[in-house]
Amino acid sequence: MTEPEEPENRPTLFTRMFGATRYVMTVAVMAVFVGATVLLLDGIYEMGSAVWHRIFESQPSMTDSVSLRVAVIEAVDVILVATVLYVIAFGLYQLFVDPRLRTTLPTWLQISSIGNLEVRLAGMVITVLSIIALTQALESHGNTSGSGLGFEIAAIIAAISLFLYQESKHHRPDATPEE
């Protein structure tokens, strides 16, 4: 008696399509990486420009001090956003293209789920909104005729912070199902 033939282990159309996402995600990772690099260069230029202007082109005054603080804070903001975008690019690469990369990276750069990237992105949004509120406060410098934007930003930051708090409760490694 002959043994029954096993079905061929050919990949299905869906399996092939899913496997092809690795190539599309490589393009997406490269796009995020290029965007982060351009943003980083822009932040470096903004920082250099603010410092150059302060040192070589103006006479120090109280107004210039506030302008310098705002320009430096905004440049740092751009640099931080670029840094988070680099982390997101590395995370997408780890998740969709080469999971083995995770073992060679420092722990702070290791991404094991899309949730990790969401938390990084939400943290970036909080930072950007905080810097917008800070620069607005510095630019108004005690004027009481504010637009109320600070309260709106504070509400957004509070909402995102609550989201992050809830996410951390549900995704703790030591969390039990009852929590």
Foldseek 3Di string as FASTA:
>chain_A
DDDDDDDDPDDDPVRVVLLCVLVVLLVVLVVLLVVLVVLQVVLVVLLVVLVCCVPPPDDDDPVNVLVSVLSNLVSVLSNVVSVLSNLVSLQSCCVRHNVVVQVVDPPVSRHDDVVVNVLSVLVSLLSVLVSVLVNLCSVCVPPPPDPCVNVVSVVSSVVSVVVSVVVCQVPPPPHDPVD
